Amino acid sequence: MARQIEGLFFDDIGSYPLPRGVRLENLSPDQYLNLVRDVLAQKSRAGVEVPTYPQFRDMIRMFMDEIENPDHAESPYLIKREHARIMELLALSPGQEVRVCVTGPVELYISAFGATHYPDILYNLAESVARFLDKAKSDAKMAVASLDEPSLGLSSNIIFSEDEILQALEVASEPCRGMDCEVHLHSPLYAQACARVPGISIIGIESAAHPDYLQLIDRKALEETDSYLRAGIARTDILSMSARLNETLGTNLWNDMKRLEKEILELESPQVMRKRLDKAYARFGDRLRATGPDCGLGSWPSQDLAGRILSNCAAAVRSFRLERA
């Protein structure tokens, strides 16, 4: 399988805090693209090697609004190719490498239909996702692609069979064959099934907040399917982290933002992240392909704190590489 990037790479999942006082509804299209451009630069300065365009917009609506627009539809829930454009990619500089994240077909389906069973609609959504990815290949230098499927293995609203789900993912990931394509999961239950999808080459696992998830992934299964792992080394569940800190410290850190930032950065230090990376590498070796934060940082209180967490990730990755140089 062709690889665009040598060895282990550091990417991020996507979402990011807005600047203080900024509301999306008050921005013109040009102002919005300037904001996207600025955050991509922030991520690069923090050391992210393959940054994802910041997902300030809702992960469902940014795709479903276009898919459900009757003027843009080829048939129900199948978008015309010329309208399958991701606005944020217009902010990229020529030749700028980026990770392109598209919400997966199962996630899009359950947002609209819940616990119903219309396979034809699921497959149309999957083809729409494929068209967004295919268009992104011509609109940007897409170094890494990703399908965001956080509900797989978690939501009781998913009543499709495993075969139906894998067929939808195969359709959606078809444009990604021969390149690095991740599936971002919040549960490891579908990890090995997703590894069998030809267009998916990297299984993303939230192993910083849930280190036991690594025990549920079989390295041999990855080898047999020529698949790889993306291991999270930075926790992003800041509400859970701060709740535990509040209980331990007997205070409410949200009333003292400077102390909250200090405690979080100590909890998620480069040394802690490096230990997580070492643990993942010890188990998976060269099947470990990508690393970075568990999930997006959109719920974090400031861009500064989000950027510092990314910088800590970068420091952990640099330390890891130096030891193996």
C-alpha atoms as a PDB file:
ATOM      1  CA  MET A   1       0.000   0.000   0.000  1.00  0.00           C
ATOM      2  CA  ALA A   2       1.393   3.409  -0.962  1.00  0.00           C
ATOM      3  CA  ARG A   3       2.322   5.733   1.894  1.00  0.00           C
ATOM      4  CA  GLN A   4       2.542   9.502   1.592  1.00  0.00           C
ATOM      5  CA  ILE A   5       4.318   9.982   4.937  1.00  0.00           C
ATOM      6  CA  GLU A   6       7.334   8.097   6.265  1.00  0.00           C
ATOM      7  CA  GLY A   7       6.955   6.289   9.582  1.00  0.00           C
ATOM      8  CA  LEU A   8       4.899   7.396  12.577  1.00  0.00           C
ATOM      9  CA  PHE A   9       3.168  10.752  12.118  1.00  0.00           C
ATOM     10  CA  PHE A  10       1.462  13.209  14.473  1.00  0.00           C
ATOM     11  CA  ASP A  11      -2.002  14.461  13.494  1.00  0.00           C
ATOM     12  CA  ASP A  12      -4.982  15.876  15.339  1.00  0.00           C
ATOM     13  CA  ILE A  13      -8.673  14.994  15.202  1.00  0.00           C
ATOM     14  CA  GLY A  14     -10.049  18.378  14.205  1.00  0.00           C
ATOM     15  CA  SER A  15     -12.231  20.511  16.470  1.00  0.00           C
ATOM     16  CA  TYR A  16     -10.669  23.499  18.228  1.00  0.00           C
ATOM     17  CA  PRO A  17     -11.866  26.301  20.518  1.00  0.00           C
ATOM     18  CA  LEU A  18     -13.070  29.520  18.976  1.00  0.00           C
ATOM     19  CA  PRO A  19     -11.236  32.700  20.008  1.00  0.00           C
ATOM     20  CA  ARG A  20     -12.817  34.332  23.032  1.00  0.00           C
ATOM     21  CA  GLY A  21     -15.835  36.432  22.081  1.00  0.00           C
ATOM     22  CA  VAL A  22     -16.102  35.098  18.526  1.00  0.00           C
ATOM     23  CA  ARG A  23     -19.427  33.699  17.292  1.00  0.00           C
ATOM     24  CA  LEU A  24     -19.621  31.874  13.973  1.00  0.00           C
ATOM     25  CA  GLU A  25     -22.934  33.461  13.022  1.00  0.00           C
ATOM     26  CA  ASN A  26     -21.299  36.889  13.132  1.00  0.00           C
ATOM     27  CA  LEU A  27     -18.534  36.028  10.662  1.00  0.00           C
ATOM     28  CA  SER A  28     -18.582  36.644   6.929  1.00  0.00           C
ATOM     29  CA  PRO A  29     -17.316  33.770   4.720  1.00  0.00           C
ATOM     30  CA  ASP A  30     -13.967  35.527   4.297  1.00  0.00           C
ATOM     31  CA  GLN A  31     -13.640  36.098   8.047  1.00  0.00           C
ATOM     32  CA  TYR A  32     -14.480  32.452   8.669  1.00  0.00           C
ATOM     33  CA  LEU A  33     -11.821  31.254   6.228  1.00  0.00           C
ATOM     34  CA  ASN A  34      -9.282  33.584   7.834  1.00  0.00           C
ATOM     35  CA  LEU A  35     -10.124  31.993  11.195  1.00  0.00           C
ATOM     36  CA  VAL A  36      -9.623  28.503   9.747  1.00  0.00           C
ATOM     37  CA  ARG A  37      -6.318  29.638   8.234  1.00  0.00           C
ATOM     38  CA  ASP A  38      -5.158  31.057  11.564  1.00  0.00           C
ATOM     39  CA  VAL A  39      -5.956  27.873  13.492  1.00  0.00           C
ATOM     40  CA  LEU A  40      -4.201  25.685  10.932  1.00  0.00           C
ATOM     41  CA  ALA A  41      -1.148  27.891  11.469  1.00  0.00           C
ATOM     42  CA  GLN A  42      -1.521  27.517  15.250  1.00  0.00           C
ATOM     43  CA  LYS A  43      -1.624  23.739  14.933  1.00  0.00           C
ATOM     44  CA  SER A  44       1.453  23.718  12.706  1.00  0.00           C
ATOM     45  CA  ARG A  45       3.365  25.973  15.120  1.00  0.00           C
ATOM     46  CA  ALA A  46       2.456  23.583  17.938  1.00  0.00           C
ATOM     47  CA  GLY A  47       4.130  20.790  15.992  1.00  0.00           C
ATOM     48  CA  VAL A  48       1.177  18.972  14.421  1.00  0.00           C
ATOM     49  CA  GLU A  49       2.612  17.361  11.296  1.00  0.00           C
ATOM     50  CA  VAL A  50      -0.681  16.679   9.522  1.00  0.00           C
ATOM     51  CA  PRO A  51      -3.225  19.161  10.904  1.00  0.00           C
ATOM     52  CA  THR A  52      -6.937  18.706  10.377  1.00  0.00           C
ATOM     53  CA  TYR A  53      -8.875  21.749   9.243  1.00  0.00           C
ATOM     54  CA  PRO A  54     -10.579  23.059  12.402  1.00  0.00           C
ATOM     55  CA  GLN A  55     -14.128  21.773  12.680  1.00  0.00           C
ATOM     56  CA  PHE A  56     -15.819  24.843  14.093  1.00  0.00           C
ATOM     57  CA  ARG A  57     -19.066  23.839  12.372  1.00  0.00           C
ATOM     58  CA  ASP A  58     -21.274  21.025  13.646  1.00  0.00           C
ATOM     59  CA  MET A  59     -19.869  17.704  12.435  1.00  0.00           C
ATOM     60  CA  ILE A  60     -23.312  16.537  11.241  1.00  0.00           C
ATOM     61  CA  ARG A  61     -24.789  19.716   9.789  1.00  0.00           C
ATOM     62  CA  MET A  62     -21.681  20.731   7.837  1.00  0.00           C
ATOM     63  CA  PHE A  63     -22.308  17.714   5.621  1.00  0.00           C
ATOM     64  CA  MET A  64     -26.028  17.004   5.997  1.00  0.00           C
ATOM     65  CA  ASP A  65     -27.050  20.561   5.138  1.00  0.00           C
ATOM     66  CA  GLU A  66     -25.460  20.065   1.738  1.00  0.00           C
ATOM     67  CA  ILE A  67     -26.661  16.475   1.306  1.00  0.00           C
ATOM     68  CA  GLU A  68     -30.265  17.359   2.217  1.00  0.00           C
ATOM     69  CA  ASN A  69     -30.377  20.453   0.005  1.00  0.00           C
ATOM     70  CA  PRO A  70     -32.773  19.460  -2.840  1.00  0.00           C
ATOM     71  CA  ASP A  71     -30.896  21.697  -5.272  1.00  0.00           C
ATOM     72  CA  HIS A  72     -27.689  19.780  -4.546  1.00  0.00           C
ATOM     73  CA  ALA A  73     -29.130  16.257  -4.596  1.00  0.00           C
ATOM     74  CA  GLU A  74     -28.822  13.686  -7.340  1.00  0.00           C
ATOM     75  CA  SER A  75     -31.280  11.443  -5.470  1.00  0.00           C
ATOM     76  CA  PRO A  76     -32.370  11.239  -1.805  1.00  0.00           C
ATOM     77  CA  TYR A  77     -29.284  11.639   0.402  1.00  0.00           C
ATOM     78  CA  LEU A  78     -26.934  11.403  -2.577  1.00  0.00           C
ATOM     79  CA  ILE A  79     -25.173  14.697  -3.225  1.00  0.00           C
ATOM     80  CA  LYS A  80     -24.138  15.786  -6.695  1.00  0.00           C
ATOM     81  CA  ARG A  81     -20.390  15.581  -7.136  1.00  0.00           C
ATOM     82  CA  GLU A  82     -19.961  19.274  -7.875  1.00  0.00           C
ATOM     83  CA  HIS A  83     -21.573  20.222  -4.542  1.00  0.00           C
ATOM     84  CA  ALA A  84     -19.550  17.815  -2.376  1.00  0.00           C
ATOM     85  CA  ARG A  85     -17.141  20.527  -1.318  1.00  0.00           C
ATOM     86  CA  ILE A  86     -15.694  21.140   2.160  1.00  0.00           C
ATOM     87  CA  MET A  87     -15.647  24.898   2.625  1.00  0.00           C
ATOM     88  CA  GLU A  88     -12.698  24.857   5.054  1.00  0.00           C
ATOM     89  CA  LEU A  89     -10.350  23.552   2.377  1.00  0.00           C
ATOM     90  CA  LEU A  90     -10.626  26.901   0.604  1.00  0.00           C
ATOM     91  CA  ALA A  91      -8.470  28.324   3.418  1.00  0.00           C
ATOM     92  CA  LEU A  92      -5.444  26.177   2.575  1.00  0.00           C
ATOM     93  CA  SER A  93      -2.262  27.543   1.094  1.00  0.00           C
ATOM     94  CA  PRO A  94      -1.096  25.922  -2.178  1.00  0.00           C
ATOM     95  CA  GLY A  95       0.610  22.623  -1.411  1.00  0.00           C
ATOM     96  CA  GLN A  96      -0.334  22.673   2.278  1.00  0.00           C
ATOM     97  CA  GLU A  97      -0.738  19.118   3.569  1.00  0.00           C
ATOM     98  CA  VAL A  98      -3.840  18.452   5.603  1.00  0.00           C
ATOM     99  CA  ARG A  99      -5.868  15.701   7.227  1.00  0.00           C
ATOM    100  CA  VAL A 100      -9.399  15.721   5.813  1.00  0.00           C
ATOM    101  CA  CYS A 101     -12.077  14.480   8.197  1.00  0.00           C
ATOM    102  CA  VAL A 102     -15.574  13.636   6.936  1.00  0.00           C
ATOM    103  CA  THR A 103     -18.345  12.442   9.235  1.00  0.00           C
ATOM    104  CA  GLY A 104     -18.975   8.792   8.418  1.00  0.00           C
ATOM    105  CA  PRO A 105     -22.133   7.347   6.859  1.00  0.00           C
ATOM    106  CA  VAL A 106     -23.344   5.548   9.991  1.00  0.00           C
ATOM    107  CA  GLU A 107     -22.998   8.693  12.096  1.00  0.00           C
ATOM    108  CA  LEU A 108     -24.837  10.746   9.478  1.00  0.00           C
ATOM    109  CA  TYR A 109     -27.573   8.122   9.168  1.00  0.00           C
ATOM    110  CA  ILE A 110     -28.421   7.822  12.874  1.00  0.00           C
ATOM    111  CA  SER A 111     -28.485  11.626  13.200  1.00  0.00           C
ATOM    112  CA  ALA A 112     -31.344  11.712  10.702  1.00  0.00           C
ATOM    113  CA  PHE A 113     -33.105   8.360  11.083  1.00  0.00           C
ATOM    114  CA  GLY A 114     -32.164   6.942  14.492  1.00  0.00           C
ATOM    115  CA  ALA A 115     -33.039   3.288  15.082  1.00  0.00           C
ATOM    116  CA  THR A 116     -34.528   2.574  11.667  1.00  0.00           C
ATOM    117  CA  HIS A 117     -33.375   0.246   8.912  1.00  0.00           C
ATOM    118  CA  TYR A 118     -33.120   1.758   5.435  1.00  0.00           C
ATOM    119  CA  PRO A 119     -29.954   0.278   3.896  1.00  0.00           C
ATOM    120  CA  ASP A 120     -30.448   2.102   0.595  1.00  0.00           C
ATOM    121  CA  ILE A 121     -30.316   5.457   2.392  1.00  0.00           C
ATOM    122  CA  LEU A 122     -27.231   4.346   4.343  1.00  0.00           C
ATOM    123  CA  TYR A 123     -25.473   3.433   1.083  1.00  0.00           C
ATOM    124  CA  ASN A 124     -26.482   6.726  -0.529  1.00  0.00           C
ATOM    125  CA  LEU A 125     -24.993   8.555   2.450  1.00  0.00           C
ATOM    126  CA  ALA A 126     -21.871   6.433   2.093  1.00  0.00           C
ATOM    127  CA  GLU A 127     -21.558   7.435  -1.567  1.00  0.00           C
ATOM    128  CA  SER A 128     -22.063  11.078  -0.578  1.00  0.00           C
ATOM    129  CA  VAL A 129     -19.211  10.767   1.924  1.00  0.00           C
ATOM    130  CA  ALA A 130     -17.068   9.244  -0.821  1.00  0.00           C
ATOM    131  CA  ARG A 131     -17.849  12.212  -3.056  1.00  0.00           C
ATOM    132  CA  PHE A 132     -16.756  14.674  -0.351  1.00  0.00           C
ATOM    133  CA  LEU A 133     -13.468  12.795  -0.034  1.00  0.00           C
ATOM    134  CA  ASP A 134     -13.003  12.526  -3.774  1.00  0.00           C
ATOM    135  CA  LYS A 135     -13.595  16.258  -4.214  1.00  0.00           C
ATOM    136  CA  ALA A 136     -11.183  16.978  -1.350  1.00  0.00           C
ATOM    137  CA  LYS A 137      -8.450  15.131  -3.248  1.00  0.00           C
ATOM    138  CA  SER A 138      -8.706  17.691  -6.030  1.00  0.00           C
ATOM    139  CA  ASP A 139      -9.240  20.703  -3.735  1.00  0.00           C
ATOM    140  CA  ALA A 140      -6.339  20.039  -1.341  1.00  0.00           C
ATOM    141  CA  LYS A 141      -3.163  18.084  -0.747  1.00  0.00           C
ATOM    142  CA  MET A 142      -4.902  15.440   1.327  1.00  0.00           C
ATOM    143  CA  ALA A 143      -2.096  13.630   3.123  1.00  0.00           C
ATOM    144  CA  VAL A 144      -4.485  11.744   5.422  1.00  0.00           C
ATOM    145  CA  ALA A 145      -8.219  11.086   5.219  1.00  0.00           C
ATOM    146  CA  SER A 146     -10.504  10.173   8.099  1.00  0.00           C
ATOM    147  CA  LEU A 147     -14.019   8.869   8.586  1.00  0.00           C
ATOM    148  CA  ASP A 148     -15.470  10.019  11.896  1.00  0.00           C
ATOM    149  CA  GLU A 149     -17.653   7.244  13.363  1.00  0.00           C
ATOM    150  CA  PRO A 150     -17.837   7.912  17.129  1.00  0.00           C
ATOM    151  CA  SER A 151     -21.118   6.033  17.654  1.00  0.00           C
ATOM    152  CA  LEU A 152     -19.936   2.673  16.313  1.00  0.00           C
ATOM    153  CA  GLY A 153     -19.890   0.243  19.217  1.00  0.00           C
ATOM    154  CA  LEU A 154     -21.656   2.717  21.524  1.00  0.00           C
ATOM    155  CA  SER A 155     -25.055   3.729  20.161  1.00  0.00           C
ATOM    156  CA  SER A 156     -28.109   1.510  20.615  1.00  0.00           C
ATOM    157  CA  ASN A 157     -29.662   3.291  17.609  1.00  0.00           C
ATOM    158  CA  ILE A 158     -27.473   1.366  15.173  1.00  0.00           C
ATOM    159  CA  ILE A 159     -29.511  -1.633  14.045  1.00  0.00           C
ATOM    160  CA  PHE A 160     -27.661  -2.425  10.826  1.00  0.00           C
ATOM    161  CA  SER A 161     -25.786  -5.703  10.599  1.00  0.00           C
ATOM    162  CA  GLU A 162     -22.001  -5.695  10.674  1.00  0.00           C
ATOM    163  CA  ASP A 163     -21.939  -6.608   6.981  1.00  0.00           C
ATOM    164  CA  GLU A 164     -24.153  -3.620   6.131  1.00  0.00           C
ATOM    165  CA  ILE A 165     -21.973  -1.279   8.172  1.00  0.00           C
ATOM    166  CA  LEU A 166     -18.781  -2.558   6.574  1.00  0.00           C
ATOM    167  CA  GLN A 167     -20.300  -2.273   3.110  1.00  0.00           C
ATOM    168  CA  ALA A 168     -21.184   1.371   3.814  1.00  0.00           C
ATOM    169  CA  LEU A 169     -17.666   2.067   5.079  1.00  0.00           C
ATOM    170  CA  GLU A 170     -16.191   0.379   2.014  1.00  0.00           C
ATOM    171  CA  VAL A 171     -18.227   2.629  -0.273  1.00  0.00           C
ATOM    172  CA  ALA A 172     -17.355   5.740   1.746  1.00  0.00           C
ATOM    173  CA  SER A 173     -13.613   5.018   1.830  1.00  0.00           C
ATOM    174  CA  GLU A 174     -13.252   3.973  -1.811  1.00  0.00           C
ATOM    175  CA  PRO A 175     -11.485   7.252  -2.835  1.00  0.00           C
ATOM    176  CA  CYS A 176      -8.881   6.621  -0.115  1.00  0.00           C
ATOM    177  CA  ARG A 177      -7.486   3.344  -1.400  1.00  0.00           C
ATOM    178  CA  GLY A 178      -3.710   3.520  -1.628  1.00  0.00           C
ATOM    179  CA  MET A 179      -3.338   6.323   0.926  1.00  0.00           C
ATOM    180  CA  ASP A 180      -3.488   6.762   4.691  1.00  0.00           C
ATOM    181  CA  CYS A 181      -7.152   6.668   5.696  1.00  0.00           C
ATOM    182  CA  GLU A 182      -8.240   6.556   9.316  1.00  0.00           C
ATOM    183  CA  VAL A 183     -11.485   5.639  10.952  1.00  0.00           C
ATOM    184  CA  HIS A 184     -11.957   7.573  14.196  1.00  0.00           C
ATOM    185  CA  LEU A 185     -13.743   5.442  16.805  1.00  0.00           C
ATOM    186  CA  HIS A 186     -14.774   6.123  20.397  1.00  0.00           C
ATOM    187  CA  SER A 187     -15.068   2.402  21.138  1.00  0.00           C
ATOM    188  CA  PRO A 188     -12.736  -0.449  20.147  1.00  0.00           C
ATOM    189  CA  LEU A 189     -15.598  -2.889  19.509  1.00  0.00           C
ATOM    190  CA  TYR A 190     -15.605  -2.292  15.738  1.00  0.00           C
ATOM    191  CA  ALA A 191     -11.855  -1.819  15.394  1.00  0.00           C
ATOM    192  CA  GLN A 192     -11.005  -5.210  13.941  1.00  0.00           C
ATOM    193  CA  ALA A 193     -14.090  -5.232  11.732  1.00  0.00           C
ATOM    194  CA  CYS A 194     -13.110  -1.825  10.316  1.00  0.00           C
ATOM    195  CA  ALA A 195      -9.614  -3.173   9.656  1.00  0.00           C
ATOM    196  CA  ARG A 196     -11.165  -5.447   7.028  1.00  0.00           C
ATOM    197  CA  VAL A 197     -12.449  -2.487   4.994  1.00  0.00           C
ATOM    198  CA  PRO A 198     -10.095  -2.123   1.979  1.00  0.00           C
ATOM    199  CA  GLY A 199     -10.138   1.679   1.962  1.00  0.00           C
ATOM    200  CA  ILE A 200      -9.399   2.049   5.697  1.00  0.00           C
ATOM    201  CA  SER A 201      -5.764   1.593   6.646  1.00  0.00           C
ATOM    202  CA  ILE A 202      -5.574   3.107  10.161  1.00  0.00           C
ATOM    203  CA  ILE A 203      -7.802   2.384  13.149  1.00  0.00           C
ATOM    204  CA  GLY A 204      -8.003   5.323  15.564  1.00  0.00           C
ATOM    205  CA  ILE A 205      -8.399   4.437  19.251  1.00  0.00           C
ATOM    206  CA  GLU A 206      -8.860   6.777  22.240  1.00  0.00           C
ATOM    207  CA  SER A 207      -6.174   5.056  24.281  1.00  0.00           C
ATOM    208  CA  ALA A 208      -5.090   8.008  26.442  1.00  0.00           C
ATOM    209  CA  ALA A 209      -8.360   8.222  28.362  1.00  0.00           C
ATOM    210  CA  HIS A 210      -8.930   4.473  28.009  1.00  0.00           C
ATOM    211  CA  PRO A 211      -5.577   2.632  28.046  1.00  0.00           C
ATOM    212  CA  ASP A 212      -7.379  -0.709  28.379  1.00  0.00           C
ATOM    213  CA  TYR A 213      -8.669  -0.263  24.815  1.00  0.00           C
ATOM    214  CA  LEU A 214      -5.247  -1.248  23.498  1.00  0.00           C
ATOM    215  CA  GLN A 215      -5.703  -4.676  25.070  1.00  0.00           C
ATOM    216  CA  LEU A 216      -8.764  -5.226  22.878  1.00  0.00           C
ATOM    217  CA  ILE A 217      -6.860  -4.758  19.614  1.00  0.00           C
ATOM    218  CA  ASP A 218      -5.099  -7.789  18.160  1.00  0.00           C
ATOM    219  CA  ARG A 219      -1.814  -6.944  16.448  1.00  0.00           C
ATOM    220  CA  LYS A 220      -2.066 -10.101  14.352  1.00  0.00           C
ATOM    221  CA  ALA A 221      -5.447  -8.972  13.033  1.00  0.00           C
ATOM    222  CA  LEU A 222      -3.855  -5.694  11.936  1.00  0.00           C
ATOM    223  CA  GLU A 223      -1.026  -7.551  10.245  1.00  0.00           C
ATOM    224  CA  GLU A 224      -3.385  -9.926   8.460  1.00  0.00           C
ATOM    225  CA  THR A 225      -5.386  -7.019   7.021  1.00  0.00           C
ATOM    226  CA  ASP A 226      -2.310  -4.780   6.434  1.00  0.00           C
ATOM    227  CA  SER A 227      -3.876  -2.245   8.779  1.00  0.00           C
ATOM    228  CA  TYR A 228      -2.337   0.115  11.315  1.00  0.00           C
ATOM    229  CA  LEU A 229      -3.191   1.811  14.604  1.00  0.00           C
ATOM    230  CA  ARG A 230      -3.602   5.441  15.602  1.00  0.00           C
ATOM    231  CA  ALA A 231      -3.087   5.626  19.355  1.00  0.00           C
ATOM    232  CA  GLY A 232      -4.248   8.639  21.347  1.00  0.00           C
ATOM    233  CA  ILE A 233      -1.559   9.864  23.758  1.00  0.00           C
ATOM    234  CA  ALA A 234      -3.266  13.040  25.071  1.00  0.00           C
ATOM    235  CA  ARG A 235      -6.573  13.030  26.903  1.00  0.00           C
ATOM    236  CA  THR A 236      -9.119  15.479  25.546  1.00  0.00           C
ATOM    237  CA  ASP A 237     -12.021  14.779  27.937  1.00  0.00           C
ATOM    238  CA  ILE A 238     -11.346  17.965  29.881  1.00  0.00           C
ATOM    239  CA  LEU A 239     -14.679  17.897  31.718  1.00  0.00           C
ATOM    240  CA  SER A 240     -13.880  14.468  33.188  1.00  0.00           C
ATOM    241  CA  MET A 241     -10.312  15.482  34.012  1.00  0.00           C
ATOM    242  CA  SER A 242     -11.363  18.706  35.713  1.00  0.00           C
ATOM    243  CA  ALA A 243     -14.126  16.939  37.671  1.00  0.00           C
ATOM    244  CA  ARG A 244     -11.579  14.503  39.089  1.00  0.00           C
ATOM    245  CA  LEU A 245      -9.167  17.341  39.874  1.00  0.00           C
ATOM    246  CA  ASN A 246     -11.955  19.325  41.560  1.00  0.00           C
ATOM    247  CA  GLU A 247     -12.768  16.338  43.749  1.00  0.00           C
ATOM    248  CA  THR A 248      -9.119  15.756  44.633  1.00  0.00           C
ATOM    249  CA  LEU A 249      -8.291  19.410  45.285  1.00  0.00           C
ATOM    250  CA  GLY A 250     -11.596  20.326  46.904  1.00  0.00           C
ATOM    251  CA  THR A 251     -12.204  23.299  44.643  1.00  0.00           C
ATOM    252  CA  ASN A 252     -13.808  24.360  41.378  1.00  0.00           C
ATOM    253  CA  LEU A 253     -10.974  24.981  38.958  1.00  0.00           C
ATOM    254  CA  TRP A 254     -13.335  26.563  36.441  1.00  0.00           C
ATOM    255  CA  ASN A 255     -13.416  29.603  38.732  1.00  0.00           C
ATOM    256  CA  ASP A 256      -9.633  29.947  38.420  1.00  0.00           C
ATOM    257  CA  MET A 257      -8.632  29.456  34.781  1.00  0.00           C
ATOM    258  CA  LYS A 258      -4.896  29.930  35.385  1.00  0.00           C
ATOM    259  CA  ARG A 259      -4.880  27.169  37.977  1.00  0.00           C
ATOM    260  CA  LEU A 260      -7.031  24.949  35.745  1.00  0.00           C
ATOM    261  CA  GLU A 261      -4.512  25.317  32.934  1.00  0.00           C
ATOM    262  CA  LYS A 262      -1.597  24.613  35.286  1.00  0.00           C
ATOM    263  CA  GLU A 263      -3.209  21.453  36.680  1.00  0.00           C
ATOM    264  CA  ILE A 264      -4.240  20.145  33.253  1.00  0.00           C
ATOM    265  CA  LEU A 265      -0.779  20.714  31.773  1.00  0.00           C
ATOM    266  CA  GLU A 266       0.815  18.884  34.698  1.00  0.00           C
ATOM    267  CA  LEU A 267      -1.651  16.028  34.301  1.00  0.00           C
ATOM    268  CA  GLU A 268      -1.042  15.874  30.531  1.00  0.00           C
ATOM    269  CA  SER A 269       2.693  16.535  30.413  1.00  0.00           C
ATOM    270  CA  PRO A 270       5.054  15.435  27.598  1.00  0.00           C
ATOM    271  CA  GLN A 271       6.460  12.790  29.958  1.00  0.00           C
ATOM    272  CA  VAL A 272       3.016  11.290  30.589  1.00  0.00           C
ATOM    273  CA  MET A 273       2.263  11.289  26.855  1.00  0.00           C
ATOM    274  CA  ARG A 274       5.627   9.710  26.085  1.00  0.00           C
ATOM    275  CA  LYS A 275       4.860   6.825  28.471  1.00  0.00           C
ATOM    276  CA  ARG A 276       1.574   6.230  26.651  1.00  0.00           C
ATOM    277  CA  LEU A 277       3.339   6.278  23.298  1.00  0.00           C
ATOM    278  CA  ASP A 278       5.962   3.825  24.546  1.00  0.00           C
ATOM    279  CA  LYS A 279       3.224   1.494  25.767  1.00  0.00           C
ATOM    280  CA  ALA A 280       1.454   1.553  22.408  1.00  0.00           C
ATOM    281  CA  TYR A 281       4.703   0.963  20.529  1.00  0.00           C
ATOM    282  CA  ALA A 282       5.669  -1.925  22.826  1.00  0.00           C
ATOM    283  CA  ARG A 283       2.432  -3.671  21.940  1.00  0.00           C
ATOM    284  CA  PHE A 284       2.127  -2.823  18.248  1.00  0.00           C
ATOM    285  CA  GLY A 285       5.607  -1.972  16.987  1.00  0.00           C
ATOM    286  CA  ASP A 286       5.589  -0.805  13.370  1.00  0.00           C
ATOM    287  CA  ARG A 287       1.820  -1.295  13.263  1.00  0.00           C
ATOM    288  CA  LEU A 288       1.638   1.994  15.178  1.00  0.00           C
ATOM    289  CA  ARG A 289       1.201   4.482  12.344  1.00  0.00           C
ATOM    290  CA  ALA A 290      -0.222   7.702  13.818  1.00  0.00           C
ATOM    291  CA  THR A 291      -0.577   9.429  17.167  1.00  0.00           C
ATOM    292  CA  GLY A 292      -1.856  12.623  18.763  1.00  0.00           C
ATOM    293  CA  PRO A 293      -4.754  13.691  20.993  1.00  0.00           C
ATOM    294  CA  ASP A 294      -7.606  11.268  21.624  1.00  0.00           C
ATOM    295  CA  CYS A 295     -10.281  13.469  20.089  1.00  0.00           C
ATOM    296  CA  GLY A 296     -10.992  17.070  19.164  1.00  0.00           C
ATOM    297  CA  LEU A 297     -10.300  20.048  21.417  1.00  0.00           C
ATOM    298  CA  GLY A 298     -13.428  22.071  20.683  1.00  0.00           C
ATOM    299  CA  SER A 299     -14.693  21.883  24.278  1.00  0.00           C
ATOM    300  CA  TRP A 300     -11.463  23.275  25.742  1.00  0.00           C
ATOM    301  CA  PRO A 301     -11.662  26.718  27.354  1.00  0.00           C
ATOM    302  CA  SER A 302      -9.076  28.517  25.225  1.00  0.00           C
ATOM    303  CA  GLN A 303      -7.030  28.263  22.080  1.00  0.00           C
ATOM    304  CA  ASP A 304      -3.886  28.804  24.147  1.00  0.00           C
ATOM    305  CA  LEU A 305      -4.488  25.736  26.328  1.00  0.00           C
ATOM    306  CA  ALA A 306      -5.454  23.625  23.306  1.00  0.00           C
ATOM    307  CA  GLY A 307      -2.257  24.677  21.530  1.00  0.00           C
ATOM    308  CA  ARG A 308      -0.136  23.843  24.576  1.00  0.00           C
ATOM    309  CA  ILE A 309      -1.602  20.343  24.740  1.00  0.00           C
ATOM    310  CA  LEU A 310      -0.680  19.876  21.076  1.00  0.00           C
ATOM    311  CA  SER A 311       2.825  21.173  21.846  1.00  0.00           C
ATOM    312  CA  ASN A 312       3.144  18.596  24.628  1.00  0.00           C
ATOM    313  CA  CYS A 313       2.159  15.896  22.138  1.00  0.00           C
ATOM    314  CA  ALA A 314       4.835  17.138  19.744  1.00  0.00           C
ATOM    315  CA  ALA A 315       7.454  17.040  22.495  1.00  0.00           C
ATOM    316  CA  ALA A 316       6.504  13.443  23.339  1.00  0.00           C
ATOM    317  CA  VAL A 317       6.774  12.398  19.686  1.00  0.00           C
ATOM    318  CA  ARG A 318      10.172  14.128  19.290  1.00  0.00           C
ATOM    319  CA  SER A 319      11.488  12.390  22.398  1.00  0.00           C
ATOM    320  CA  PHE A 320      10.211   9.043  21.149  1.00  0.00           C
ATOM    321  CA  ARG A 321      11.905   9.483  17.769  1.00  0.00           C
ATOM    322  CA  LEU A 322      15.229  10.666  19.201  1.00  0.00           C
ATOM    323  CA  GLU A 323      15.534   7.532  21.296  1.00  0.00           C
ATOM    324  CA  ARG A 324      15.021   5.370  18.214  1.00  0.00           C
ATOM    325  CA  ALA A 325      17.151   7.380  15.780  1.00  0.00           C
END
